[in-house]
Amino acid sequence: MNSADDLGTASEDPSGREVQCWHTDIYQQQSGTWRAVWSQATELRPRAG
C-alpha cells in the first residue's frame, strides 16, 4: 500500500461553500492497477487570533 497527502486543496462542502482541505489517501495495487482504498479530507480552518 502507498499513501499520499495533499495540503491545501480547494473543495466544496455539501452546501457548495468552498473550503481548504488536507487530503490523505491510501492506495493499494490490485491486479496491476493502483486504486484508492481509503480517502479522508479534513477542513483547514483559519487560526484564531
Protein backbone atom coordinates (compact mmCIF):
# COMPACT_ATOMS: atom_id res chain seq x y z
CA MET A 1 0.00 0.00 0.00
CA ASN A 2 1.02 3.58 -0.59
CA SER A 3 -0.27 6.77 0.95
CA ALA A 4 -0.38 10.34 -0.27
CA ASP A 5 -1.04 13.62 1.49
CA ASP A 6 -2.11 16.81 -0.24
CA LEU A 7 -2.19 20.10 1.63
CA GLY A 8 -4.43 23.00 0.74
CA THR A 9 -6.76 21.57 -1.88
CA ALA A 10 -9.86 23.68 -2.58
CA SER A 11 -13.05 21.63 -2.37
CA GLU A 12 -16.75 22.29 -1.94
CA ASP A 13 -18.70 21.07 1.06
CA PRO A 14 -22.27 19.71 0.55
CA SER A 15 -23.70 23.26 0.80
CA GLY A 16 -21.47 24.44 -2.07
CA ARG A 17 -19.17 26.50 0.19
CA GLU A 18 -15.51 26.36 -0.94
CA VAL A 19 -13.17 25.08 1.77
CA GLN A 20 -9.43 24.40 2.03
CA CYS A 21 -8.74 20.76 2.92
CA TRP A 22 -5.92 18.44 3.89
CA HIS A 23 -6.40 15.17 1.96
CA THR A 24 -5.00 11.80 2.97
CA ASP A 25 -5.40 8.88 0.55
CA ILE A 26 -4.29 5.26 0.76
CA TYR A 27 -3.72 3.31 -2.46
CA GLN A 28 -3.37 -0.43 -2.97
CA GLN A 29 -2.21 -2.23 -6.07
CA GLN A 30 -4.90 -4.66 -7.24
CA SER A 31 -4.41 -6.79 -10.36
CA GLY A 32 -1.65 -4.47 -11.57
CA THR A 33 -3.68 -1.27 -11.11
CA TRP A 34 -3.37 1.25 -8.27
CA ARG A 35 -6.71 2.00 -6.62
CA ALA A 36 -7.69 4.33 -3.80
CA VAL A 37 -8.89 2.13 -0.93
CA TRP A 38 -9.34 4.89 1.67
CA SER A 39 -9.62 8.67 1.49
CA GLN A 40 -10.23 11.43 4.03
CA ALA A 41 -10.48 15.21 3.72
CA THR A 42 -10.10 17.44 6.78
CA GLU A 43 -11.11 21.08 6.56
CA LEU A 44 -8.35 23.61 7.30
CA ARG A 45 -9.73 26.49 9.33
CA PRO A 46 -8.01 29.83 9.89
CA ARG A 47 -6.19 30.18 13.17
CA ALA A 48 -8.00 32.20 15.78
CA GLY A 49 -6.14 35.26 16.82
